[in-house]
Amino acid sequence: MIALFAVRPQRGSVVHLHGPSYRPSAKPRGVDRVALCGAPVWPSSHDTPFEDTLSQLADAVRWTSMEPSPTDPRPAWRWCRSCTGHALDLAGLVTEFLIAAAERQPKSTSSPP
């Protein structure tokens, strides 16, 4: 598995994931700094090194666990759905995730639509 880092949102509320050696496709891109989903990621200013926009996943989990409050009404940050799918695949956790999701499904007696 490759090293994964969270990218603090520069605008908006979506936290992307970045793997320094990961390429989302074979298609050549003009920039080397892309999230796992292929979205370009960059620092907030030209004076900031790219590496300073990256954070350890353990730290980033705390960002997305904060809910808006009266003292901080900003919307909560959320994980990029495409990045998390790529990360599950890279970590070899797709089957485990699907099993866990299936266990949480409501029990239904009817057939799917």
Protein backbone atom coordinates (compact mmCIF):
# COMPACT_ATOMS: atom_id res chain seq x y z
CA MET A 1 0.00 0.00 0.00
CA ILE A 2 1.18 3.53 -0.72
CA ALA A 3 1.35 6.30 1.84
CA LEU A 4 -1.85 8.36 1.97
CA PHE A 5 -2.23 11.93 3.15
CA ALA A 6 -5.25 14.17 3.58
CA VAL A 7 -5.38 17.49 1.74
CA ARG A 8 -6.91 20.30 3.77
CA PRO A 9 -9.64 21.99 1.71
CA GLN A 10 -8.48 25.29 0.25
CA ARG A 11 -12.02 26.16 -0.78
CA GLY A 12 -15.24 24.38 0.01
CA SER A 13 -15.60 21.53 2.46
CA VAL A 14 -14.23 18.41 0.73
CA VAL A 15 -11.14 16.69 2.12
CA HIS A 16 -9.26 14.89 -0.67
CA LEU A 17 -6.66 12.15 -0.30
CA HIS A 18 -3.23 12.25 -1.93
CA GLY A 19 -0.78 9.44 -2.53
CA PRO A 20 2.59 10.80 -3.71
CA SER A 21 3.25 7.86 -6.05
CA TYR A 22 -0.36 7.23 -7.12
CA ARG A 23 -1.63 8.14 -10.59
CA PRO A 24 -5.41 7.94 -11.01
CA SER A 25 -5.08 7.11 -14.69
CA ALA A 26 -2.49 6.58 -17.39
CA LYS A 27 -3.60 9.83 -19.01
CA PRO A 28 -0.77 12.39 -18.85
CA ARG A 29 -1.62 15.44 -16.76
CA GLY A 30 -0.15 18.90 -16.70
CA VAL A 31 0.25 18.78 -12.92
CA ASP A 32 1.75 16.13 -10.69
CA ARG A 33 -0.22 17.16 -7.64
CA VAL A 34 -3.55 15.43 -7.87
CA ALA A 35 -5.82 13.73 -5.39
CA LEU A 36 -6.62 10.04 -5.70
CA CYS A 37 -9.78 11.04 -7.59
CA GLY A 38 -7.78 13.06 -10.12
CA ALA A 39 -8.75 16.51 -8.81
CA PRO A 40 -5.82 18.94 -8.77
CA VAL A 41 -4.70 19.94 -5.28
CA TRP A 42 -2.51 22.90 -4.49
CA PRO A 43 -1.34 25.04 -1.57
CA SER A 44 -3.29 28.13 -0.57
CA SER A 45 -0.50 30.48 -1.63
CA HIS A 46 2.58 30.44 -3.84
CA ASP A 47 4.76 30.82 -0.73
CA THR A 48 3.44 27.60 0.82
CA PRO A 49 5.21 24.36 -0.08
CA PHE A 50 2.82 21.69 -1.35
CA GLU A 51 3.87 19.31 1.41
CA ASP A 52 2.54 21.81 3.99
CA THR A 53 -1.01 21.30 2.66
CA LEU A 54 -0.83 17.58 3.43
CA SER A 55 -1.72 16.07 6.80
CA GLN A 56 -1.56 12.66 8.39
CA LEU A 57 -4.84 10.73 8.13
CA ALA A 58 -5.12 10.43 11.91
CA ASP A 59 -5.16 14.24 12.20
CA ALA A 60 -7.61 14.64 9.32
CA VAL A 61 -10.13 12.27 10.87
CA ARG A 62 -10.59 14.85 13.62
CA TRP A 63 -11.38 17.54 11.01
CA THR A 64 -14.30 15.59 9.66
CA SER A 65 -15.67 14.66 13.08
CA MET A 66 -16.38 18.28 14.00
CA GLU A 67 -20.00 19.32 13.59
CA PRO A 68 -21.16 22.93 13.18
CA SER A 69 -21.93 24.63 16.48
CA PRO A 70 -23.22 28.02 17.64
CA THR A 71 -19.61 29.18 18.13
CA ASP A 72 -18.42 27.74 14.78
CA PRO A 73 -21.32 27.51 12.32
CA ARG A 74 -19.24 26.55 9.28
CA PRO A 75 -20.36 23.38 7.48
CA ALA A 76 -18.52 20.23 8.54
CA TRP A 77 -15.80 19.03 6.20
CA ARG A 78 -16.45 15.73 4.46
CA TRP A 79 -14.35 13.15 2.66
CA CYS A 80 -14.24 13.02 -1.15
CA ARG A 81 -16.28 9.96 -2.10
CA SER A 82 -14.10 9.15 -5.10
CA CYS A 83 -10.86 9.46 -3.11
CA THR A 84 -12.18 7.17 -0.37
CA GLY A 85 -13.16 4.56 -2.98
CA HIS A 86 -9.65 4.62 -4.44
CA ALA A 87 -8.19 4.42 -0.92
CA LEU A 88 -10.31 1.37 -0.05
CA ASP A 89 -9.08 -0.33 -3.20
CA LEU A 90 -5.42 0.58 -2.55
CA ALA A 91 -5.67 -0.70 1.02
CA GLY A 92 -7.28 -3.96 -0.07
CA LEU A 93 -10.37 -3.18 2.01
CA VAL A 94 -13.13 -3.24 -0.63
CA THR A 95 -14.48 -6.67 0.32
CA GLU A 96 -14.31 -5.87 4.04
CA PHE A 97 -16.15 -2.61 3.44
CA LEU A 98 -18.88 -4.34 1.40
CA ILE A 99 -19.34 -6.98 4.09
CA ALA A 100 -19.65 -4.28 6.77
CA ALA A 101 -22.10 -2.30 4.59
CA ALA A 102 -24.19 -5.42 3.94
CA GLU A 103 -24.39 -6.12 7.68
CA ARG A 104 -25.74 -2.62 8.27
CA GLN A 105 -28.43 -2.85 5.60
CA PRO A 106 -31.99 -2.94 6.91
CA LYS A 107 -33.55 -6.37 6.70
CA SER A 108 -36.19 -6.38 3.98
CA THR A 109 -38.62 -9.07 2.92
CA SER A 110 -39.25 -7.51 -0.48
CA SER A 111 -37.06 -7.93 -3.52
CA PRO A 112 -34.94 -5.05 -4.90
CA PRO A 113 -36.66 -2.65 -7.29
